[in-house]
Amino acid sequence: MQLCEKKGIFPLTSIELIGSILLILGVGAGQAAGIGGGLIIIPIVIQFFGMDTKKSVAIVFVIIFSASFGNLIMFSKKKSERGDPLIDYKLILISLPAVFVGSTYGIQQKDVNLLN
């Protein structure tokens, strides 16, 4: 009986090094655009690091949350030219109900297979 062994983090293979560089660029582009970048990052994690979709999504959630939290800390104290905060907290309060409804609906529809 053969057991599956996981590879350690180091030494990085050349494909993992390329994936790491693309991951950094993808996270940077996603954060700069304000979209998070999950659509870019998940395929990179799957292709270059050989992870399944479920693990890739979990890892990408942690990456995007960390990067977004860093942006929040960085921009929370900054002001616009008019003296208003750069973060529009009223817009956040308006959009949160839609996020909650969309998340709830998406969770309920997770078992729907559109390909059949």
PDB file of N, CA and C in Angstrom:
ATOM      1  N   MET A   1       0.845  -1.175   0.000  1.00  0.00           N
ATOM      2  CA  MET A   1       0.000   0.000   0.000  1.00  0.00           C
ATOM      3  C   MET A   1       0.895   1.245   0.000  1.00  0.00           C
ATOM      4  N   GLN A   2       0.607   2.126  -0.931  1.00  0.00           N
ATOM      5  CA  GLN A   2       1.429   3.323  -1.080  1.00  0.00           C
ATOM      6  C   GLN A   2       0.698   4.529  -0.499  1.00  0.00           C
ATOM      7  N   LEU A   3       1.366   5.265   0.368  1.00  0.00           N
ATOM      8  CA  LEU A   3       0.771   6.447   0.973  1.00  0.00           C
ATOM      9  C   LEU A   3       1.128   7.682   0.163  1.00  0.00           C
ATOM     10  N   CYS A   4       0.196   8.600   0.119  1.00  0.00           N
ATOM     11  CA  CYS A   4       0.421   9.863  -0.573  1.00  0.00           C
ATOM     12  C   CYS A   4       1.176  10.808   0.356  1.00  0.00           C
ATOM     13  N   GLU A   5       2.275  11.329  -0.105  1.00  0.00           N
ATOM     14  CA  GLU A   5       3.046  12.284   0.682  1.00  0.00           C
ATOM     15  C   GLU A   5       2.900  13.668   0.082  1.00  0.00           C
ATOM     16  N   LYS A   6       2.703  14.651   0.960  1.00  0.00           N
ATOM     17  CA  LYS A   6       2.622  16.031   0.498  1.00  0.00           C
ATOM     18  C   LYS A   6       4.023  16.597   0.386  1.00  0.00           C
ATOM     19  N   LYS A   7       4.193  17.426  -0.621  1.00  0.00           N
ATOM     20  CA  LYS A   7       5.476  18.089  -0.817  1.00  0.00           C
ATOM     21  C   LYS A   7       5.585  19.243   0.160  1.00  0.00           C
ATOM     22  N   GLY A   8       6.754  19.470   0.692  1.00  0.00           N
ATOM     23  CA  GLY A   8       6.983  20.615   1.557  1.00  0.00           C
ATOM     24  C   GLY A   8       6.993  21.912   0.754  1.00  0.00           C
ATOM     25  N   ILE A   9       7.002  23.017   1.452  1.00  0.00           N
ATOM     26  CA  ILE A   9       6.992  24.312   0.779  1.00  0.00           C
ATOM     27  C   ILE A   9       8.310  24.553   0.043  1.00  0.00           C
ATOM     28  N   PHE A  10       9.409  24.227   0.685  1.00  0.00           N
ATOM     29  CA  PHE A  10      10.718  24.452   0.079  1.00  0.00           C
ATOM     30  C   PHE A  10      11.384  23.128  -0.176  1.00  0.00           C
ATOM     31  N   PRO A  11      12.163  22.994  -1.186  1.00  0.00           N
ATOM     32  CA  PRO A  11      12.518  23.961  -2.218  1.00  0.00           C
ATOM     33  C   PRO A  11      11.391  24.101  -3.245  1.00  0.00           C
ATOM     34  N   LEU A  12      11.250  25.306  -3.761  1.00  0.00           N
ATOM     35  CA  LEU A  12      10.250  25.575  -4.788  1.00  0.00           C
ATOM     36  C   LEU A  12      10.707  24.988  -6.118  1.00  0.00           C
ATOM     37  N   THR A  13       9.772  24.386  -6.829  1.00  0.00           N
ATOM     38  CA  THR A  13      10.075  23.964  -8.191  1.00  0.00           C
ATOM     39  C   THR A  13       9.948  25.181  -9.099  1.00  0.00           C
ATOM     40  N   SER A  14      10.419  25.059 -10.319  1.00  0.00           N
ATOM     41  CA  SER A  14      10.355  26.201 -11.241  1.00  0.00           C
ATOM     42  C   SER A  14       8.909  26.575 -11.549  1.00  0.00           C
ATOM     43  N   ILE A  15       8.019  25.603 -11.659  1.00  0.00           N
ATOM     44  CA  ILE A  15       6.608  25.890 -11.948  1.00  0.00           C
ATOM     45  C   ILE A  15       5.956  26.599 -10.757  1.00  0.00           C
ATOM     46  N   GLU A  16       6.354  26.234  -9.534  1.00  0.00           N
ATOM     47  CA  GLU A  16       5.825  26.911  -8.344  1.00  0.00           C
ATOM     48  C   GLU A  16       6.363  28.335  -8.228  1.00  0.00           C
ATOM     49  N   LEU A  17       7.594  28.542  -8.639  1.00  0.00           N
ATOM     50  CA  LEU A  17       8.165  29.893  -8.629  1.00  0.00           C
ATOM     51  C   LEU A  17       7.427  30.796  -9.617  1.00  0.00           C
ATOM     52  N   ILE A  18       7.175  30.279 -10.811  1.00  0.00           N
ATOM     53  CA  ILE A  18       6.406  31.040 -11.804  1.00  0.00           C
ATOM     54  C   ILE A  18       5.003  31.307 -11.275  1.00  0.00           C
ATOM     55  N   GLY A  19       4.385  30.295 -10.669  1.00  0.00           N
ATOM     56  CA  GLY A  19       3.055  30.466 -10.089  1.00  0.00           C
ATOM     57  C   GLY A  19       3.042  31.499  -8.980  1.00  0.00           C
ATOM     58  N   SER A  20       4.080  31.525  -8.160  1.00  0.00           N
ATOM     59  CA  SER A  20       4.161  32.513  -7.075  1.00  0.00           C
ATOM     60  C   SER A  20       4.256  33.928  -7.624  1.00  0.00           C
ATOM     61  N   ILE A  21       5.054  34.105  -8.665  1.00  0.00           N
ATOM     62  CA  ILE A  21       5.177  35.429  -9.285  1.00  0.00           C
ATOM     63  C   ILE A  21       3.848  35.854  -9.893  1.00  0.00           C
ATOM     64  N   LEU A  22       3.194  34.937 -10.618  1.00  0.00           N
ATOM     65  CA  LEU A  22       1.886  35.253 -11.202  1.00  0.00           C
ATOM     66  C   LEU A  22       0.844  35.523 -10.121  1.00  0.00           C
ATOM     67  N   LEU A  23       0.939  34.810  -9.012  1.00  0.00           N
ATOM     68  CA  LEU A  23       0.015  35.011  -7.894  1.00  0.00           C
ATOM     69  C   LEU A  23       0.170  36.411  -7.308  1.00  0.00           C
ATOM     70  N   ILE A  24       1.393  36.840  -7.106  1.00  0.00           N
ATOM     71  CA  ILE A  24       1.644  38.191  -6.585  1.00  0.00           C
ATOM     72  C   ILE A  24       1.120  39.240  -7.552  1.00  0.00           C
ATOM     73  N   LEU A  25       1.389  39.053  -8.845  1.00  0.00           N
ATOM     74  CA  LEU A  25       0.898  40.010  -9.848  1.00  0.00           C
ATOM     75  C   LEU A  25      -0.627  40.003  -9.923  1.00  0.00           C
ATOM     76  N   GLY A  26      -1.232  38.815  -9.840  1.00  0.00           N
ATOM     77  CA  GLY A  26      -2.693  38.711  -9.889  1.00  0.00           C
ATOM     78  C   GLY A  26      -3.363  39.357  -8.698  1.00  0.00           C
ATOM     79  N   VAL A  27      -2.811  39.141  -7.512  1.00  0.00           N
ATOM     80  CA  VAL A  27      -3.368  39.773  -6.308  1.00  0.00           C
ATOM     81  C   VAL A  27      -3.214  41.284  -6.403  1.00  0.00           C
ATOM     82  N   GLY A  28      -2.057  41.741  -6.852  1.00  0.00           N
ATOM     83  CA  GLY A  28      -1.833  43.179  -6.999  1.00  0.00           C
ATOM     84  C   GLY A  28      -2.790  43.804  -7.994  1.00  0.00           C
ATOM     85  N   ALA A  29      -2.983  43.151  -9.136  1.00  0.00           N
ATOM     86  CA  ALA A  29      -3.899  43.679 -10.148  1.00  0.00           C
ATOM     87  C   ALA A  29      -5.333  43.670  -9.639  1.00  0.00           C
ATOM     88  N   GLY A  30      -5.719  42.601  -8.972  1.00  0.00           N
ATOM     89  CA  GLY A  30      -7.080  42.517  -8.436  1.00  0.00           C
ATOM     90  C   GLY A  30      -7.354  43.567  -7.381  1.00  0.00           C
ATOM     91  N   GLN A  31      -6.393  43.790  -6.504  1.00  0.00           N
ATOM     92  CA  GLN A  31      -6.570  44.802  -5.462  1.00  0.00           C
ATOM     93  C   GLN A  31      -6.543  46.208  -6.048  1.00  0.00           C
ATOM     94  N   ALA A  32      -5.688  46.438  -7.041  1.00  0.00           N
ATOM     95  CA  ALA A  32      -5.623  47.759  -7.671  1.00  0.00           C
ATOM     96  C   ALA A  32      -6.918  48.071  -8.409  1.00  0.00           C
ATOM     97  N   ALA A  33      -7.525  47.046  -9.007  1.00  0.00           N
ATOM     98  CA  ALA A  33      -8.782  47.246  -9.730  1.00  0.00           C
ATOM     99  C   ALA A  33      -9.977  47.277  -8.788  1.00  0.00           C
ATOM    100  N   GLY A  34      -9.787  46.809  -7.560  1.00  0.00           N
ATOM    101  CA  GLY A  34     -10.877  46.816  -6.594  1.00  0.00           C
ATOM    102  C   GLY A  34     -11.828  45.645  -6.725  1.00  0.00           C
ATOM    103  N   ILE A  35     -11.400  44.580  -7.418  1.00  0.00           N
ATOM    104  CA  ILE A  35     -12.279  43.430  -7.629  1.00  0.00           C
ATOM    105  C   ILE A  35     -11.855  42.208  -6.827  1.00  0.00           C
ATOM    106  N   GLY A  36     -10.776  42.299  -6.095  1.00  0.00           N
ATOM    107  CA  GLY A  36     -10.303  41.156  -5.317  1.00  0.00           C
ATOM    108  C   GLY A  36      -9.377  40.276  -6.121  1.00  0.00           C
ATOM    109  N   GLY A  37      -9.808  39.804  -7.279  1.00  0.00           N
ATOM    110  CA  GLY A  37      -8.954  39.023  -8.154  1.00  0.00           C
ATOM    111  C   GLY A  37      -9.150  37.530  -8.104  1.00  0.00           C
ATOM    112  N   GLY A  38     -10.213  37.040  -7.471  1.00  0.00           N
ATOM    113  CA  GLY A  38     -10.443  35.603  -7.375  1.00  0.00           C
ATOM    114  C   GLY A  38     -10.518  34.914  -8.721  1.00  0.00           C
ATOM    115  N   LEU A  39     -11.089  35.589  -9.706  1.00  0.00           N
ATOM    116  CA  LEU A  39     -11.211  35.018 -11.049  1.00  0.00           C
ATOM    117  C   LEU A  39      -9.838  34.803 -11.682  1.00  0.00           C
ATOM    118  N   ILE A  40      -8.884  35.615 -11.301  1.00  0.00           N
ATOM    119  CA  ILE A  40      -7.519  35.493 -11.818  1.00  0.00           C
ATOM    120  C   ILE A  40      -6.714  34.495 -10.987  1.00  0.00           C
ATOM    121  N   ILE A  41      -6.885  34.544  -9.676  1.00  0.00           N
ATOM    122  CA  ILE A  41      -6.000  33.817  -8.768  1.00  0.00           C
ATOM    123  C   ILE A  41      -6.334  32.327  -8.676  1.00  0.00           C
ATOM    124  N   ILE A  42      -7.610  31.974  -8.676  1.00  0.00           N
ATOM    125  CA  ILE A  42      -7.993  30.560  -8.517  1.00  0.00           C
ATOM    126  C   ILE A  42      -7.390  29.682  -9.612  1.00  0.00           C
ATOM    127  N   PRO A  43      -7.486  30.052 -10.904  1.00  0.00           N
ATOM    128  CA  PRO A  43      -6.845  29.204 -11.923  1.00  0.00           C
ATOM    129  C   PRO A  43      -5.329  29.091 -11.759  1.00  0.00           C
ATOM    130  N   ILE A  44      -4.687  30.144 -11.266  1.00  0.00           N
ATOM    131  CA  ILE A  44      -3.237  30.086 -11.038  1.00  0.00           C
ATOM    132  C   ILE A  44      -2.918  29.060  -9.953  1.00  0.00           C
ATOM    133  N   VAL A  45      -3.675  29.087  -8.861  1.00  0.00           N
ATOM    134  CA  VAL A  45      -3.429  28.141  -7.764  1.00  0.00           C
ATOM    135  C   VAL A  45      -3.682  26.707  -8.229  1.00  0.00           C
ATOM    136  N   ILE A  46      -4.733  26.503  -9.012  1.00  0.00           N
ATOM    137  CA  ILE A  46      -5.043  25.155  -9.505  1.00  0.00           C
ATOM    138  C   ILE A  46      -3.956  24.667 -10.459  1.00  0.00           C
ATOM    139  N   GLN A  47      -3.591  25.501 -11.420  1.00  0.00           N
ATOM    140  CA  GLN A  47      -2.662  25.086 -12.469  1.00  0.00           C
ATOM    141  C   GLN A  47      -1.224  24.944 -11.980  1.00  0.00           C
ATOM    142  N   PHE A  48      -0.741  25.911 -11.236  1.00  0.00           N
ATOM    143  CA  PHE A  48       0.678  25.934 -10.890  1.00  0.00           C
ATOM    144  C   PHE A  48       1.006  25.201  -9.590  1.00  0.00           C
ATOM    145  N   PHE A  49       0.023  25.054  -8.711  1.00  0.00           N
ATOM    146  CA  PHE A  49       0.295  24.407  -7.426  1.00  0.00           C
ATOM    147  C   PHE A  49      -0.408  23.055  -7.289  1.00  0.00           C
ATOM    148  N   GLY A  50      -1.189  22.666  -8.300  1.00  0.00           N
ATOM    149  CA  GLY A  50      -1.798  21.345  -8.338  1.00  0.00           C
ATOM    150  C   GLY A  50      -2.841  21.079  -7.271  1.00  0.00           C
ATOM    151  N   MET A  51      -3.545  22.107  -6.834  1.00  0.00           N
ATOM    152  CA  MET A  51      -4.571  21.928  -5.803  1.00  0.00           C
ATOM    153  C   MET A  51      -5.938  21.750  -6.451  1.00  0.00           C
ATOM    154  N   ASP A  52      -6.831  21.088  -5.733  1.00  0.00           N
ATOM    155  CA  ASP A  52      -8.188  20.948  -6.248  1.00  0.00           C
ATOM    156  C   ASP A  52      -8.956  22.257  -6.039  1.00  0.00           C
ATOM    157  N   THR A  53     -10.124  22.335  -6.639  1.00  0.00           N
ATOM    158  CA  THR A  53     -10.896  23.577  -6.633  1.00  0.00           C
ATOM    159  C   THR A  53     -11.281  24.008  -5.231  1.00  0.00           C
ATOM    160  N   LYS A  54     -11.699  23.064  -4.404  1.00  0.00           N
ATOM    161  CA  LYS A  54     -12.155  23.401  -3.052  1.00  0.00           C
ATOM    162  C   LYS A  54     -11.034  24.032  -2.224  1.00  0.00           C
ATOM    163  N   LYS A  55      -9.854  23.439  -2.257  1.00  0.00           N
ATOM    164  CA  LYS A  55      -8.721  23.989  -1.514  1.00  0.00           C
ATOM    165  C   LYS A  55      -8.274  25.320  -2.110  1.00  0.00           C
ATOM    166  N   SER A  56      -8.318  25.427  -3.436  1.00  0.00           N
ATOM    167  CA  SER A  56      -7.912  26.667  -4.098  1.00  0.00           C
ATOM    168  C   SER A  56      -8.800  27.827  -3.697  1.00  0.00           C
ATOM    169  N   VAL A  57     -10.103  27.593  -3.661  1.00  0.00           N
ATOM    170  CA  VAL A  57     -11.035  28.656  -3.275  1.00  0.00           C
ATOM    171  C   VAL A  57     -10.781  29.083  -1.834  1.00  0.00           C
ATOM    172  N   ALA A  58     -10.549  28.125  -0.949  1.00  0.00           N
ATOM    173  CA  ALA A  58     -10.284  28.459   0.457  1.00  0.00           C
ATOM    174  C   ALA A  58      -9.000  29.278   0.595  1.00  0.00           C
ATOM    175  N   ILE A  59      -7.962  28.887  -0.112  1.00  0.00           N
ATOM    176  CA  ILE A  59      -6.699  29.624  -0.050  1.00  0.00           C
ATOM    177  C   ILE A  59      -6.861  31.025  -0.620  1.00  0.00           C
ATOM    178  N   VAL A  60      -7.588  31.137  -1.725  1.00  0.00           N
ATOM    179  CA  VAL A  60      -7.786  32.440  -2.360  1.00  0.00           C
ATOM    180  C   VAL A  60      -8.618  33.358  -1.470  1.00  0.00           C
ATOM    181  N   PHE A  61      -9.595  32.809  -0.752  1.00  0.00           N
ATOM    182  CA  PHE A  61     -10.356  33.639   0.195  1.00  0.00           C
ATOM    183  C   PHE A  61      -9.430  34.255   1.240  1.00  0.00           C
ATOM    184  N   VAL A  62      -8.519  33.469   1.763  1.00  0.00           N
ATOM    185  CA  VAL A  62      -7.574  33.980   2.763  1.00  0.00           C
ATOM    186  C   VAL A  62      -6.668  35.049   2.146  1.00  0.00           C
ATOM    187  N   ILE A  63      -6.178  34.800   0.935  1.00  0.00           N
ATOM    188  CA  ILE A  63      -5.299  35.764   0.264  1.00  0.00           C
ATOM    189  C   ILE A  63      -6.026  37.080   0.017  1.00  0.00           C
ATOM    190  N   ILE A  64      -7.242  37.005  -0.537  1.00  0.00           N
ATOM    191  CA  ILE A  64      -7.994  38.220  -0.865  1.00  0.00           C
ATOM    192  C   ILE A  64      -8.403  38.957   0.404  1.00  0.00           C
ATOM    193  N   PHE A  65      -8.836  38.221   1.435  1.00  0.00           N
ATOM    194  CA  PHE A  65      -9.203  38.875   2.692  1.00  0.00           C
ATOM    195  C   PHE A  65      -8.007  39.610   3.286  1.00  0.00           C
ATOM    196  N   SER A  66      -6.849  38.967   3.283  1.00  0.00           N
ATOM    197  CA  SER A  66      -5.647  39.598   3.843  1.00  0.00           C
ATOM    198  C   SER A  66      -5.270  40.856   3.072  1.00  0.00           C
ATOM    199  N   ALA A  67      -5.297  40.772   1.752  1.00  0.00           N
ATOM    200  CA  ALA A  67      -4.947  41.935   0.933  1.00  0.00           C
ATOM    201  C   ALA A  67      -5.975  43.053   1.104  1.00  0.00           C
ATOM    202  N   SER A  68      -7.251  42.699   1.165  1.00  0.00           N
ATOM    203  CA  SER A  68      -8.294  43.709   1.347  1.00  0.00           C
ATOM    204  C   SER A  68      -8.209  44.353   2.726  1.00  0.00           C
ATOM    205  N   PHE A  69      -7.901  43.564   3.737  1.00  0.00           N
ATOM    206  CA  PHE A  69      -7.744  44.109   5.086  1.00  0.00           C
ATOM    207  C   PHE A  69      -6.559  45.074   5.136  1.00  0.00           C
ATOM    208  N   GLY A  70      -5.487  44.727   4.441  1.00  0.00           N
ATOM    209  CA  GLY A  70      -4.339  45.630   4.352  1.00  0.00           C
ATOM    210  C   GLY A  70      -4.707  46.942   3.677  1.00  0.00           C
ATOM    211  N   ASN A  71      -5.508  46.857   2.601  1.00  0.00           N
ATOM    212  CA  ASN A  71      -5.974  48.077   1.933  1.00  0.00           C
ATOM    213  C   ASN A  71      -6.857  48.906   2.854  1.00  0.00           C
ATOM    214  N   LEU A  72      -7.723  48.245   3.616  1.00  0.00           N
ATOM    215  CA  LEU A  72      -8.593  48.960   4.545  1.00  0.00           C
ATOM    216  C   LEU A  72      -7.767  49.730   5.567  1.00  0.00           C
ATOM    217  N   ILE A  73      -6.766  49.082   6.132  1.00  0.00           N
ATOM    218  CA  ILE A  73      -5.914  49.749   7.114  1.00  0.00           C
ATOM    219  C   ILE A  73      -5.172  50.923   6.472  1.00  0.00           C
ATOM    220  N   MET A  74      -4.697  50.711   5.254  1.00  0.00           N
ATOM    221  CA  MET A  74      -3.924  51.751   4.588  1.00  0.00           C
ATOM    222  C   MET A  74      -4.784  52.974   4.235  1.00  0.00           C
ATOM    223  N   PHE A  75      -6.019  52.740   3.771  1.00  0.00           N
ATOM    224  CA  PHE A  75      -6.856  53.842   3.301  1.00  0.00           C
ATOM    225  C   PHE A  75      -7.804  54.403   4.357  1.00  0.00           C
ATOM    226  N   SER A  76      -7.912  53.770   5.512  1.00  0.00           N
ATOM    227  CA  SER A  76      -8.899  54.218   6.498  1.00  0.00           C
ATOM    228  C   SER A  76      -8.591  55.601   7.059  1.00  0.00           C
ATOM    229  N   LYS A  77      -7.348  55.970   7.135  1.00  0.00           N
ATOM    230  CA  LYS A  77      -6.972  57.274   7.701  1.00  0.00           C
ATOM    231  C   LYS A  77      -6.791  58.363   6.643  1.00  0.00           C
ATOM    232  N   LYS A  78      -6.753  57.971   5.367  1.00  0.00           N
ATOM    233  CA  LYS A  78      -6.494  58.960   4.316  1.00  0.00           C
ATOM    234  C   LYS A  78      -7.754  59.754   3.998  1.00  0.00           C
ATOM    235  N   LYS A  79      -7.546  60.990   3.598  1.00  0.00           N
ATOM    236  CA  LYS A  79      -8.651  61.897   3.271  1.00  0.00           C
ATOM    237  C   LYS A  79      -8.561  62.297   1.802  1.00  0.00           C
ATOM    238  N   SER A  80      -9.720  62.641   1.228  1.00  0.00           N
ATOM    239  CA  SER A  80      -9.749  63.153  -0.137  1.00  0.00           C
ATOM    240  C   SER A  80      -9.356  64.626  -0.133  1.00  0.00           C
ATOM    241  N   GLU A  81      -9.351  65.223  -1.303  1.00  0.00           N
ATOM    242  CA  GLU A  81      -8.976  66.638  -1.406  1.00  0.00           C
ATOM    243  C   GLU A  81      -9.983  67.544  -0.702  1.00  0.00           C
ATOM    244  N   ARG A  82     -11.237  67.083  -0.614  1.00  0.00           N
ATOM    245  CA  ARG A  82     -12.276  67.868   0.070  1.00  0.00           C
ATOM    246  C   ARG A  82     -12.259  67.662   1.579  1.00  0.00           C
ATOM    247  N   GLY A  83     -11.463  66.729   2.048  1.00  0.00           N
ATOM    248  CA  GLY A  83     -11.390  66.454   3.476  1.00  0.00           C
ATOM    249  C   GLY A  83     -12.253  65.283   3.918  1.00  0.00           C
ATOM    250  N   ASP A  84     -13.003  64.688   2.980  1.00  0.00           N
ATOM    251  CA  ASP A  84     -13.820  63.514   3.288  1.00  0.00           C
ATOM    252  C   ASP A  84     -12.928  62.275   3.332  1.00  0.00           C
ATOM    253  N   PRO A  85     -13.361  61.239   4.051  1.00  0.00           N
ATOM    254  CA  PRO A  85     -12.590  59.989   4.031  1.00  0.00           C
ATOM    255  C   PRO A  85     -12.575  59.388   2.623  1.00  0.00           C
ATOM    256  N   LEU A  86     -11.481  58.735   2.256  1.00  0.00           N
ATOM    257  CA  LEU A  86     -11.405  58.086   0.945  1.00  0.00           C
ATOM    258  C   LEU A  86     -12.393  56.931   0.835  1.00  0.00           C
ATOM    259  N   ILE A  87     -12.653  56.254   1.929  1.00  0.00           N
ATOM    260  CA  ILE A  87     -13.604  55.143   1.936  1.00  0.00           C
ATOM    261  C   ILE A  87     -14.997  55.710   2.150  1.00  0.00           C
ATOM    262  N   ASP A  88     -15.905  55.391   1.231  1.00  0.00           N
ATOM    263  CA  ASP A  88     -17.280  55.873   1.335  1.00  0.00           C
ATOM    264  C   ASP A  88     -18.081  54.866   2.168  1.00  0.00           C
ATOM    265  N   TYR A  89     -18.170  55.124   3.464  1.00  0.00           N
ATOM    266  CA  TYR A  89     -18.826  54.192   4.375  1.00  0.00           C
ATOM    267  C   TYR A  89     -20.331  54.117   4.127  1.00  0.00           C
ATOM    268  N   LYS A  90     -20.943  55.196   3.625  1.00  0.00           N
ATOM    269  CA  LYS A  90     -22.376  55.164   3.305  1.00  0.00           C
ATOM    270  C   LYS A  90     -22.648  54.189   2.164  1.00  0.00           C
ATOM    271  N   LEU A  91     -21.772  54.165   1.181  1.00  0.00           N
ATOM    272  CA  LEU A  91     -21.916  53.228   0.070  1.00  0.00           C
ATOM    273  C   LEU A  91     -21.791  51.786   0.556  1.00  0.00           C
ATOM    274  N   ILE A  92     -20.908  51.555   1.507  1.00  0.00           N
ATOM    275  CA  ILE A  92     -20.759  50.213   2.077  1.00  0.00           C
ATOM    276  C   ILE A  92     -22.061  49.785   2.750  1.00  0.00           C
ATOM    277  N   LEU A  93     -22.658  50.674   3.529  1.00  0.00           N
ATOM    278  CA  LEU A  93     -23.911  50.342   4.216  1.00  0.00           C
ATOM    279  C   LEU A  93     -25.042  50.080   3.233  1.00  0.00           C
ATOM    280  N   ILE A  94     -25.047  50.778   2.098  1.00  0.00           N
ATOM    281  CA  ILE A  94     -26.087  50.567   1.091  1.00  0.00           C
ATOM    282  C   ILE A  94     -25.895  49.226   0.384  1.00  0.00           C
ATOM    283  N   SER A  95     -24.653  48.844   0.114  1.00  0.00           N
ATOM    284  CA  SER A  95     -24.400  47.628  -0.660  1.00  0.00           C
ATOM    285  C   SER A  95     -24.392  46.345   0.171  1.00  0.00           C
ATOM    286  N   LEU A  96     -24.251  46.437   1.483  1.00  0.00           N
ATOM    287  CA  LEU A  96     -24.192  45.228   2.315  1.00  0.00           C
ATOM    288  C   LEU A  96     -25.433  44.343   2.217  1.00  0.00           C
ATOM    289  N   PRO A  97     -26.660  44.889   2.221  1.00  0.00           N
ATOM    290  CA  PRO A  97     -27.816  43.993   2.081  1.00  0.00           C
ATOM    291  C   PRO A  97     -27.786  43.168   0.795  1.00  0.00           C
ATOM    292  N   ALA A  98     -27.347  43.767  -0.307  1.00  0.00           N
ATOM    293  CA  ALA A  98     -27.255  43.016  -1.563  1.00  0.00           C
ATOM    294  C   ALA A  98     -26.213  41.910  -1.465  1.00  0.00           C
ATOM    295  N   VAL A  99     -25.123  42.172  -0.779  1.00  0.00           N
ATOM    296  CA  VAL A  99     -24.087  41.152  -0.590  1.00  0.00           C
ATOM    297  C   VAL A  99     -24.637  39.986   0.225  1.00  0.00           C
ATOM    298  N   PHE A 100     -25.362  40.290   1.298  1.00  0.00           N
ATOM    299  CA  PHE A 100     -25.929  39.230   2.134  1.00  0.00           C
ATOM    300  C   PHE A 100     -26.970  38.412   1.382  1.00  0.00           C
ATOM    301  N   VAL A 101     -27.838  39.069   0.618  1.00  0.00           N
ATOM    302  CA  VAL A 101     -28.857  38.347  -0.161  1.00  0.00           C
ATOM    303  C   VAL A 101     -28.185  37.487  -1.223  1.00  0.00           C
ATOM    304  N   GLY A 102     -27.200  38.041  -1.925  1.00  0.00           N
ATOM    305  CA  GLY A 102     -26.496  37.274  -2.951  1.00  0.00           C
ATOM    306  C   GLY A 102     -25.748  36.088  -2.379  1.00  0.00           C
ATOM    307  N   SER A 103     -25.128  36.263  -1.233  1.00  0.00           N
ATOM    308  CA  SER A 103     -24.411  35.158  -0.592  1.00  0.00           C
ATOM    309  C   SER A 103     -25.372  34.058  -0.169  1.00  0.00           C
ATOM    310  N   THR A 104     -26.492  34.453   0.420  1.00  0.00           N
ATOM    311  CA  THR A 104     -27.487  33.472   0.852  1.00  0.00           C
ATOM    312  C   THR A 104     -28.043  32.709  -0.341  1.00  0.00           C
ATOM    313  N   TYR A 105     -28.367  33.415  -1.411  1.00  0.00           N
ATOM    314  CA  TYR A 105     -28.898  32.771  -2.615  1.00  0.00           C
ATOM    315  C   TYR A 105     -27.856  31.833  -3.230  1.00  0.00           C
ATOM    316  N   GLY A 106     -26.611  32.276  -3.277  1.00  0.00           N
ATOM    317  CA  GLY A 106     -25.556  31.442  -3.836  1.00  0.00           C
ATOM    318  C   GLY A 106     -25.337  30.167  -3.048  1.00  0.00           C
ATOM    319  N   ILE A 107     -25.424  30.257  -1.729  1.00  0.00           N
ATOM    320  CA  ILE A 107     -25.270  29.070  -0.889  1.00  0.00           C
ATOM    321  C   ILE A 107     -26.424  28.101  -1.118  1.00  0.00           C
ATOM    322  N   GLN A 108     -27.628  28.632  -1.268  1.00  0.00           N
ATOM    323  CA  GLN A 108     -28.789  27.777  -1.499  1.00  0.00           C
ATOM    324  C   GLN A 108     -28.718  27.097  -2.859  1.00  0.00           C
ATOM    325  N   GLN A 109     -28.094  27.731  -3.830  1.00  0.00           N
ATOM    326  CA  GLN A 109     -28.041  27.196  -5.187  1.00  0.00           C
ATOM    327  C   GLN A 109     -26.776  26.395  -5.472  1.00  0.00           C
ATOM    328  N   LYS A 110     -25.993  26.090  -4.469  1.00  0.00           N
ATOM    329  CA  LYS A 110     -24.711  25.421  -4.686  1.00  0.00           C
ATOM    330  C   LYS A 110     -24.837  24.036  -5.297  1.00  0.00           C
ATOM    331  N   ASP A 111     -25.975  23.396  -5.119  1.00  0.00           N
ATOM    332  CA  ASP A 111     -26.142  22.050  -5.652  1.00  0.00           C
ATOM    333  C   ASP A 111     -26.706  22.034  -7.064  1.00  0.00           C
ATOM    334  N   VAL A 112     -27.004  23.194  -7.623  1.00  0.00           N
ATOM    335  CA  VAL A 112     -27.546  23.262  -8.977  1.00  0.00           C
ATOM    336  C   VAL A 112     -26.407  23.050  -9.962  1.00  0.00           C
ATOM    337  N   ASN A 113     -26.599  22.122 -10.884  1.00  0.00           N
ATOM    338  CA  ASN A 113     -25.596  21.855 -11.905  1.00  0.00           C
ATOM    339  C   ASN A 113     -26.116  22.395 -13.226  1.00  0.00           C
ATOM    340  N   LEU A 114     -25.491  23.425 -13.745  1.00  0.00           N
ATOM    341  CA  LEU A 114     -25.959  24.061 -14.969  1.00  0.00           C
ATOM    342  C   LEU A 114     -25.581  23.290 -16.222  1.00  0.00           C
ATOM    343  N   LEU A 115     -24.702  22.318 -16.114  1.00  0.00           N
ATOM    344  CA  LEU A 115     -24.248  21.582 -17.288  1.00  0.00           C
ATOM    345  C   LEU A 115     -25.177  20.440 -17.671  1.00  0.00           C
ATOM    346  N   ASN A 116     -26.064  20.031 -16.790  1.00  0.00           N
ATOM    347  CA  ASN A 116     -26.977  18.911 -17.097  1.00  0.00           C
ATOM    348  C   ASN A 116     -28.358  19.405 -17.402  1.00  0.00           C
TER     349      ASN A 116
END
